C-alpha atoms as a PDB file:
ATOM      1  CA  MET A   1      -5.284   1.061 -25.831  1.00  0.00           C
ATOM      2  CA  ILE A   2      -6.666   0.354 -22.338  1.00  0.00           C
ATOM      3  CA  THR A   3      -9.920  -1.214 -21.852  1.00  0.00           C
ATOM      4  CA  GLY A   4     -11.966  -0.323 -18.199  1.00  0.00           C
ATOM      5  CA  THR A   5     -11.224  -4.171 -17.406  1.00  0.00           C
ATOM      6  CA  ASP A   6      -7.331  -3.067 -18.413  1.00  0.00           C
ATOM      7  CA  LEU A   7      -7.976   0.033 -15.993  1.00  0.00           C
ATOM      8  CA  LEU A   8      -9.040  -2.119 -12.976  1.00  0.00           C
ATOM      9  CA  GLN A   9      -7.015  -4.352 -13.163  1.00  0.00           C
ATOM     10  CA  ILE A  10      -3.743  -2.493 -13.514  1.00  0.00           C
ATOM     11  CA  SER A  11      -5.251  -0.311 -10.180  1.00  0.00           C
ATOM     12  CA  LEU A  12      -5.226  -3.627  -8.308  1.00  0.00           C
ATOM     13  CA  ALA A  13      -1.935  -4.903  -9.662  1.00  0.00           C
ATOM     14  CA  ARG A  14      -0.894  -1.117  -8.054  1.00  0.00           C
ATOM     15  CA  VAL A  15      -2.252  -1.349  -4.580  1.00  0.00           C
ATOM     16  CA  ASN A  16      -2.031  -4.725  -3.844  1.00  0.00           C
ATOM     17  CA  MET A  17       1.842  -4.124  -4.015  1.00  0.00           C
ATOM     18  CA  ASP A  18       3.848  -4.822  -1.578  1.00  0.00           C
ATOM     19  CA  ARG A  19       7.563  -3.627  -0.701  1.00  0.00           C
ATOM     20  CA  THR A  20       9.235  -6.341  -1.825  1.00  0.00           C
ATOM     21  CA  ASP A  21       7.735  -6.107  -5.362  1.00  0.00           C
ATOM     22  CA  LEU A  22       8.656  -2.941  -5.788  1.00  0.00           C
ATOM     23  CA  GLU A  23      12.709  -4.013  -4.636  1.00  0.00           C
ATOM     24  CA  VAL A  24      12.616  -6.824  -6.983  1.00  0.00           C
ATOM     25  CA  ALA A  25      11.514  -4.453  -9.489  1.00  0.00           C
ATOM     26  CA  GLY A  26      13.635  -2.255  -8.576  1.00  0.00           C
ATOM     27  CA  VAL A  27      11.101   0.720  -8.249  1.00  0.00           C
ATOM     28  CA  ILE A  28      12.564   1.686  -4.482  1.00  0.00           C
ATOM     29  CA  ASP A  29      15.997   0.790  -3.502  1.00  0.00           C
ATOM     30  CA  ARG A  30      16.140  -2.146  -1.229  1.00  0.00           C
ATOM     31  CA  GLY A  31      16.524  -1.587   3.219  1.00  0.00           C
ATOM     32  CA  GLU A  32      16.395   1.653   4.867  1.00  0.00           C
ATOM     33  CA  ALA A  33      17.725   3.351   1.508  1.00  0.00           C
ATOM     34  CA  GLY A  34      14.012   2.351   0.005  1.00  0.00           C
ATOM     35  CA  ASP A  35      12.750   3.185   3.911  1.00  0.00           C
ATOM     36  CA  LYS A  36      11.347   7.159   2.202  1.00  0.00           C
ATOM     37  CA  ALA A  37       9.953   5.802  -1.061  1.00  0.00           C
ATOM     38  CA  TRP A  38       8.180   3.103   0.523  1.00  0.00           C
ATOM     39  CA  SER A  39       6.385   5.455   2.717  1.00  0.00           C
ATOM     40  CA  ASN A  40       6.015   8.299  -0.311  1.00  0.00           C
ATOM     41  CA  PHE A  41       4.273   5.459  -2.240  1.00  0.00           C
ATOM     42  CA  GLY A  42       2.185   4.350   0.811  1.00  0.00           C
ATOM     43  CA  ARG A  43       1.513   7.427   1.324  1.00  0.00           C
ATOM     44  CA  ASP A  44       0.287   8.578  -2.103  1.00  0.00           C
ATOM     45  CA  MET A  45       0.667   6.517  -4.675  1.00  0.00           C
ATOM     46  CA  ASP A  46      -0.235   8.689  -7.890  1.00  0.00           C
ATOM     47  CA  THR A  47       2.275  11.265  -6.273  1.00  0.00           C
ATOM     48  CA  PHE A  48       4.807   8.900  -5.885  1.00  0.00           C
ATOM     49  CA  ILE A  49       4.135   7.894  -9.678  1.00  0.00           C
ATOM     50  CA  LEU A  50       4.443  11.507 -11.307  1.00  0.00           C
ATOM     51  CA  LYS A  51       7.371  11.923  -9.455  1.00  0.00           C
ATOM     52  CA  LEU A  52       9.746   8.915 -10.250  1.00  0.00           C
ATOM     53  CA  PRO A  53      12.532   8.753 -12.565  1.00  0.00           C
ATOM     54  CA  GLU A  54      11.605   7.713 -16.249  1.00  0.00           C
ATOM     55  CA  TRP A  55      13.755   4.151 -15.597  1.00  0.00           C
ATOM     56  CA  ARG A  56      11.767   3.745 -12.449  1.00  0.00           C
ATOM     57  CA  ARG A  57       8.594   4.440 -13.302  1.00  0.00           C
ATOM     58  CA  THR A  58       9.157   2.306 -16.704  1.00  0.00           C
ATOM     59  CA  ALA A  59      10.213  -0.612 -13.486  1.00  0.00           C
ATOM     60  CA  LEU A  60       6.640  -0.138 -11.923  1.00  0.00           C
ATOM     61  CA  ALA A  61       5.019  -0.184 -15.167  1.00  0.00           C
ATOM     62  CA  GLU A  62       6.601  -3.168 -16.767  1.00  0.00           C
ATOM     63  CA  ALA A  63       5.930  -4.978 -13.018  1.00  0.00           C
ATOM     64  CA  ILE A  64       2.493  -3.764 -13.744  1.00  0.00           C
ATOM     65  CA  GLN A  65       1.936  -5.395 -16.806  1.00  0.00           C
ATOM     66  CA  GLU A  66       4.028  -9.079 -15.448  1.00  0.00           C
ATOM     67  CA  ARG A  67       1.638  -9.182 -12.722  1.00  0.00           C
ATOM     68  CA  VAL A  68      -1.935  -8.161 -15.059  1.00  0.00           C
ATOM     69  CA  GLY A  69      -0.458 -10.535 -18.069  1.00  0.00           C
ATOM     70  CA  LEU A  70      -0.992  -7.211 -20.020  1.00  0.00           C
ATOM     71  CA  SER A  71       0.692  -7.249 -23.408  1.00  0.00           C
ATOM     72  CA  HIS A  72      -0.842  -3.550 -24.971  1.00  0.00           C
END
């Protein structure tokens, strides 16, 4: 179960991730190939997440979990 504190930590992790974090996690491609995805992430993070393929959404979730130390 996600608590209110967990939700806050997840939100903070999301808004504080930079392009390198997303590239390393495999959420977006490196270099020019990832330019549009990075732009979309910055413009509308929620829609970006909704449109991710499952494997990239999983990679993002794992990166957030590592950042905030969630084990749920």
